[in-house]
Amino acid sequence: MLLALDIGNTNVTIGVFDGERIAATWRLATDVHRQPDEYALQLKDLLPMKGLAVDSIDGISLCSVVPPLTGVFEEACDFLFQIQPLVVGTGTRTGVRVRYDNPRDVGADRVADAAAAYHLYGGPCIVVDFGTATVFDAISTDGEYLGGAISPGLGVSAESLYAATSQLRRVELVAPATAIGRNTAHSIQSGLIFGYTGLIEHMVRLYKLEMDAPDATVVATGGLAPIIAAQTDVFTHVNEELTLQGLRLIFDLNQDFDPAKSAT
């Protein structure tokens, strides 16, 4: 079985694949202060919850946008599974050609999203990843990563609003009954949920125009995706496991690949 680890700024998303089928998923809070032993123990405790054994893991694929934790998880995996993970980065075969000005600037999670979206749904496609940041990615008909956009995430915006004001409070991220709020909590929820829905719809519209792809597939992913997906019909698919599926695909591509022998 394959263990897939997506280390994000807010959450570490974990998946175990039995072939192409995802057998289990978990989310952990990202904590740069935790040591390898702590994460190893947490992984060891999680697996039996879904009827999985430590020795059933025979491969690990990892992407990280938190550099201090990359080595921590590599060490944890070596300690617990005696396996060196495939860390998605420069020199990794991904099946996606990145057309960014500097390809190294593209987060490994975005490349994994693009690889999965193109493999599962074809191109052209647009990925909207709802995480700490809300990230938009464009993939061409030929599977090229064209570029993207980054905006503050829904949770970050809500927390910033609370932190920067004296009288506004934290609210649950749910849609109110009406756009015109009748109290402070509903007013904040309206601005966050309906406002972000408008942001998503406008950005997707711009992407389709610039890509000359009015029928482009639009895929939502990330832990907050269902909140916005419930408010709009702009998404063709909602796939919260897209990054994990990309990690599986990239792992498979690299089984017999020697980056020293190829510039791809």
Protein backbone atom coordinates (compact mmCIF):
# COMPACT_ATOMS: atom_id res chain seq x y z
CA MET A 1 0.00 0.00 0.00
CA LEU A 2 1.04 3.58 -0.65
CA LEU A 3 1.08 6.28 2.01
CA ALA A 4 0.51 9.78 0.58
CA LEU A 5 1.39 12.84 2.67
CA ASP A 6 0.39 16.38 1.72
CA ILE A 7 2.05 18.79 4.17
CA GLY A 8 0.22 22.10 4.04
CA ASN A 9 0.43 25.29 6.06
CA THR A 10 -2.68 24.47 8.12
CA ASN A 11 -3.17 20.71 7.78
CA VAL A 12 -1.22 17.57 6.97
CA THR A 13 -3.52 15.51 4.77
CA ILE A 14 -2.80 11.80 4.80
CA GLY A 15 -4.08 9.05 2.53
CA VAL A 16 -3.44 5.34 2.13
CA PHE A 17 -3.95 3.78 -1.31
CA ASP A 18 -4.66 0.15 -2.03
CA GLY A 19 -3.79 0.17 -5.70
CA GLU A 20 -5.77 3.04 -7.21
CA ARG A 21 -8.39 2.95 -4.45
CA ILE A 22 -7.99 5.28 -1.53
CA ALA A 23 -8.53 3.15 1.58
CA ALA A 24 -8.29 5.79 4.32
CA THR A 25 -7.71 9.51 4.86
CA TRP A 26 -6.90 11.70 7.85
CA ARG A 27 -6.13 15.34 8.56
CA LEU A 28 -3.66 16.49 11.22
CA ALA A 29 -2.94 20.04 12.34
CA THR A 30 0.37 21.28 10.96
CA ASP A 31 2.81 21.95 13.78
CA VAL A 32 6.41 22.86 12.93
CA HIS A 33 7.41 22.31 16.56
CA ARG A 34 6.65 18.59 16.56
CA GLN A 35 9.53 16.18 16.36
CA PRO A 36 9.87 13.16 14.01
CA ASP A 37 9.14 10.76 16.86
CA GLU A 38 5.86 12.55 17.62
CA TYR A 39 4.62 12.37 14.03
CA ALA A 40 5.78 8.74 13.77
CA LEU A 41 3.78 7.82 16.87
CA GLN A 42 0.73 9.65 15.52
CA LEU A 43 0.92 7.81 12.20
CA LYS A 44 1.39 4.51 14.05
CA ASP A 45 -1.78 5.17 16.07
CA LEU A 46 -3.86 6.31 13.09
CA LEU A 47 -3.37 3.29 10.84
CA PRO A 48 -5.10 0.70 13.09
CA MET A 49 -8.14 3.00 13.33
CA LYS A 50 -8.87 2.08 9.70
CA GLY A 51 -7.77 -1.54 10.00
CA LEU A 52 -4.34 -0.92 8.49
CA ALA A 53 -0.98 -2.21 9.71
CA VAL A 54 2.34 -0.39 9.68
CA ASP A 55 3.95 -3.21 7.70
CA SER A 56 1.27 -2.94 4.97
CA ILE A 57 2.89 0.32 3.78
CA ASP A 58 5.45 -0.38 1.05
CA GLY A 59 5.76 3.07 -0.54
CA ILE A 60 5.46 6.72 0.46
CA SER A 61 4.83 9.82 -1.68
CA LEU A 62 5.18 13.25 -0.08
CA CYS A 63 4.69 16.86 -1.06
CA SER A 64 5.31 19.79 1.25
CA VAL A 65 4.93 23.57 1.26
CA VAL A 66 6.37 23.73 4.80
CA PRO A 67 10.14 23.22 4.37
CA PRO A 68 10.89 22.74 8.10
CA LEU A 69 8.54 19.74 8.17
CA THR A 70 9.80 18.02 5.02
CA GLY A 71 12.81 16.52 6.75
CA VAL A 72 10.79 15.84 9.89
CA PHE A 73 8.40 13.61 7.96
CA GLU A 74 11.21 11.96 6.01
CA GLU A 75 12.81 11.01 9.34
CA ALA A 76 9.46 9.89 10.81
CA CYS A 77 8.81 7.65 7.79
CA ASP A 78 12.28 6.15 7.95
CA PHE A 79 11.84 5.44 11.67
CA LEU A 80 8.34 3.94 11.45
CA PHE A 81 8.29 2.25 8.04
CA GLN A 82 12.01 2.01 7.14
CA ILE A 83 11.05 3.66 3.84
CA GLN A 84 12.53 6.76 2.22
CA PRO A 85 9.62 8.80 0.78
CA LEU A 86 9.48 10.12 -2.75
CA VAL A 87 9.51 13.89 -2.14
CA VAL A 88 7.92 15.75 -5.05
CA GLY A 89 10.24 18.51 -6.20
CA THR A 90 12.81 19.46 -8.79
CA GLY A 91 13.81 16.40 -10.81
CA THR A 92 10.65 14.46 -10.02
CA ARG A 93 8.73 13.17 -13.00
CA THR A 94 5.17 14.52 -12.70
CA GLY A 95 3.63 14.16 -16.16
CA VAL A 96 3.04 17.93 -16.17
CA ARG A 97 5.24 20.46 -17.96
CA VAL A 98 5.30 23.68 -15.94
CA ARG A 99 5.15 26.91 -17.97
CA TYR A 100 5.76 29.25 -15.01
CA ASP A 101 8.53 31.86 -15.47
CA ASN A 102 10.45 29.95 -12.80
CA PRO A 103 9.08 26.40 -12.49
CA ARG A 104 10.73 26.05 -9.07
CA ASP A 105 8.29 28.65 -7.72
CA VAL A 106 5.29 26.37 -8.19
CA GLY A 107 4.35 24.55 -5.00
CA ALA A 108 4.59 20.76 -5.12
CA ASP A 109 0.95 20.50 -4.05
CA ARG A 110 -0.12 22.58 -7.05
CA VAL A 111 1.81 20.28 -9.39
CA ALA A 112 0.19 17.25 -7.75
CA ASP A 113 -3.25 18.86 -8.19
CA ALA A 114 -2.53 19.57 -11.85
CA ALA A 115 -1.29 16.03 -12.49
CA ALA A 116 -4.37 14.48 -10.89
CA ALA A 117 -6.85 16.83 -12.56
CA TYR A 118 -5.41 16.24 -16.01
CA HIS A 119 -5.21 12.48 -15.53
CA LEU A 120 -8.73 12.16 -14.11
CA TYR A 121 -10.63 14.76 -16.11
CA GLY A 122 -8.49 15.73 -19.09
CA GLY A 123 -7.70 19.22 -20.32
CA PRO A 124 -8.22 22.04 -20.48
CA CYS A 125 -9.05 22.27 -16.81
CA ILE A 126 -9.01 24.73 -13.93
CA VAL A 127 -8.28 23.68 -10.36
CA VAL A 128 -9.42 25.72 -7.38
CA ASP A 129 -7.77 24.54 -4.17
CA PHE A 130 -9.37 25.83 -0.97
CA GLY A 131 -6.68 25.72 1.69
CA THR A 132 -4.78 28.25 3.76
CA ALA A 133 -4.67 30.17 0.49
CA THR A 134 -7.26 29.86 -2.25
CA VAL A 135 -5.21 28.82 -5.26
CA PHE A 136 -6.26 28.74 -8.92
CA ASP A 137 -4.36 26.64 -11.47
CA ALA A 138 -4.78 26.40 -15.24
CA ILE A 139 -3.91 23.24 -17.19
CA SER A 140 -3.94 23.19 -20.98
CA THR A 141 -5.43 20.66 -23.39
CA ASP A 142 -1.96 19.11 -23.67
CA GLY A 143 -1.49 18.85 -19.91
CA GLU A 144 0.77 21.87 -19.50
CA TYR A 145 0.64 23.83 -16.26
CA LEU A 146 0.03 27.36 -17.56
CA GLY A 147 0.05 29.30 -14.30
CA GLY A 148 -2.34 30.39 -11.63
CA ALA A 149 -3.45 32.87 -9.00
CA ILE A 150 -3.25 32.99 -5.21
CA SER A 151 -5.65 34.78 -2.87
CA PRO A 152 -6.11 34.66 0.92
CA GLY A 153 -7.99 31.56 2.00
CA LEU A 154 -11.45 31.64 3.48
CA GLY A 155 -10.25 30.70 6.95
CA VAL A 156 -7.34 33.16 6.83
CA SER A 157 -9.68 35.97 5.81
CA ALA A 158 -12.12 35.17 8.60
CA GLU A 159 -9.33 35.06 11.19
CA SER A 160 -7.77 38.30 9.91
CA LEU A 161 -11.13 40.06 10.15
CA TYR A 162 -11.46 38.95 13.76
CA ALA A 163 -7.86 39.83 14.67
CA ALA A 164 -7.85 43.28 13.05
CA THR A 165 -11.12 44.60 14.50
CA SER A 166 -12.32 45.41 17.99
CA GLN A 167 -15.97 44.38 17.80
CA LEU A 168 -16.17 41.64 15.20
CA ARG A 169 -16.12 38.05 16.40
CA ARG A 170 -15.21 34.66 15.04
CA VAL A 171 -18.07 33.00 13.17
CA GLU A 172 -18.80 29.56 11.83
CA LEU A 173 -18.02 29.28 8.12
CA VAL A 174 -21.54 28.57 6.93
CA ALA A 175 -23.81 30.47 4.57
CA PRO A 176 -26.51 32.64 6.19
CA ALA A 177 -30.09 32.49 4.95
CA THR A 178 -29.81 35.83 3.11
CA ALA A 179 -27.07 37.98 1.64
CA ILE A 180 -28.35 40.95 3.64
CA GLY A 181 -27.31 40.11 7.17
CA ARG A 182 -29.64 41.08 10.03
CA ASN A 183 -26.95 40.74 12.70
CA THR A 184 -23.19 40.95 12.89
CA ALA A 185 -22.55 37.22 12.68
CA HIS A 186 -24.74 36.81 9.59
CA SER A 187 -23.18 39.90 8.01
CA ILE A 188 -19.70 38.44 8.40
CA GLN A 189 -20.85 35.06 7.08
CA SER A 190 -22.48 36.73 4.09
CA GLY A 191 -19.35 38.67 3.20
CA LEU A 192 -17.14 35.62 3.58
CA ILE A 193 -19.24 32.91 1.94
CA PHE A 194 -21.12 34.85 -0.73
CA GLY A 195 -18.19 37.20 -1.30
CA TYR A 196 -15.82 34.30 -1.88
CA THR A 197 -18.34 32.65 -4.18
CA GLY A 198 -18.30 35.78 -6.31
CA LEU A 199 -14.49 35.76 -6.30
CA ILE A 200 -14.40 32.16 -7.49
CA GLU A 201 -16.98 32.66 -10.23
CA HIS A 202 -15.23 35.78 -11.54
CA MET A 203 -11.78 34.18 -11.57
CA VAL A 204 -13.06 31.07 -13.35
CA ARG A 205 -14.72 33.31 -15.93
CA LEU A 206 -11.43 35.17 -16.51
CA TYR A 207 -9.49 31.91 -16.78
CA LYS A 208 -11.85 30.50 -19.39
CA LEU A 209 -11.53 33.70 -21.43
CA GLU A 210 -7.73 33.77 -21.26
CA MET A 211 -7.46 30.05 -21.99
CA ASP A 212 -10.00 30.37 -24.81
CA ALA A 213 -11.70 27.38 -23.20
CA PRO A 214 -15.34 28.14 -22.40
CA ASP A 215 -15.99 24.46 -21.65
CA ALA A 216 -12.93 23.89 -19.46
CA THR A 217 -13.45 21.43 -16.63
CA VAL A 218 -13.39 23.16 -13.23
CA VAL A 219 -12.33 21.09 -10.22
CA ALA A 220 -12.66 22.16 -6.58
CA THR A 221 -10.45 20.60 -3.94
CA GLY A 222 -9.25 21.26 -0.40
CA GLY A 223 -10.96 20.99 2.95
CA LEU A 224 -13.12 24.10 2.47
CA ALA A 225 -14.24 23.24 -1.07
CA PRO A 226 -17.72 21.92 -0.13
CA ILE A 227 -18.61 25.20 1.59
CA ILE A 228 -18.30 27.23 -1.62
CA ALA A 229 -19.39 24.41 -3.93
CA ALA A 230 -22.77 24.45 -2.20
CA GLN A 231 -23.27 28.06 -3.34
CA THR A 232 -22.43 27.81 -7.04
CA ASP A 233 -22.67 25.60 -10.09
CA VAL A 234 -19.30 26.74 -11.47
CA PHE A 235 -17.58 23.47 -10.53
CA THR A 236 -17.67 20.41 -12.75
CA HIS A 237 -16.24 18.22 -9.98
CA VAL A 238 -15.55 18.47 -6.26
CA ASN A 239 -12.68 16.17 -5.31
CA GLU A 240 -11.29 16.73 -1.81
CA GLU A 241 -8.67 14.01 -2.37
CA LEU A 242 -7.20 15.50 -5.57
CA THR A 243 -3.73 16.23 -4.14
CA LEU A 244 -3.45 12.75 -2.64
CA GLN A 245 -4.45 11.22 -5.97
CA GLY A 246 -1.80 13.34 -7.66
CA LEU A 247 0.80 12.02 -5.22
CA ARG A 248 -0.17 8.46 -6.12
CA LEU A 249 0.13 9.17 -9.84
CA ILE A 250 3.50 10.86 -9.42
CA PHE A 251 4.77 7.97 -7.29
CA ASP A 252 3.82 5.50 -10.02
CA LEU A 253 5.55 7.62 -12.67
CA ASN A 254 8.81 7.59 -10.73
CA GLN A 255 9.14 3.88 -9.95
CA ASP A 256 11.60 3.24 -12.79
CA PHE A 257 12.72 6.82 -13.33
CA ASP A 258 16.26 8.08 -12.73
CA PRO A 259 16.24 11.91 -12.70
CA ALA A 260 20.00 11.93 -13.29
CA LYS A 261 19.40 10.46 -16.75
CA SER A 262 16.64 12.85 -17.83
CA ALA A 263 15.97 16.57 -17.82
CA THR A 264 12.19 16.01 -17.97
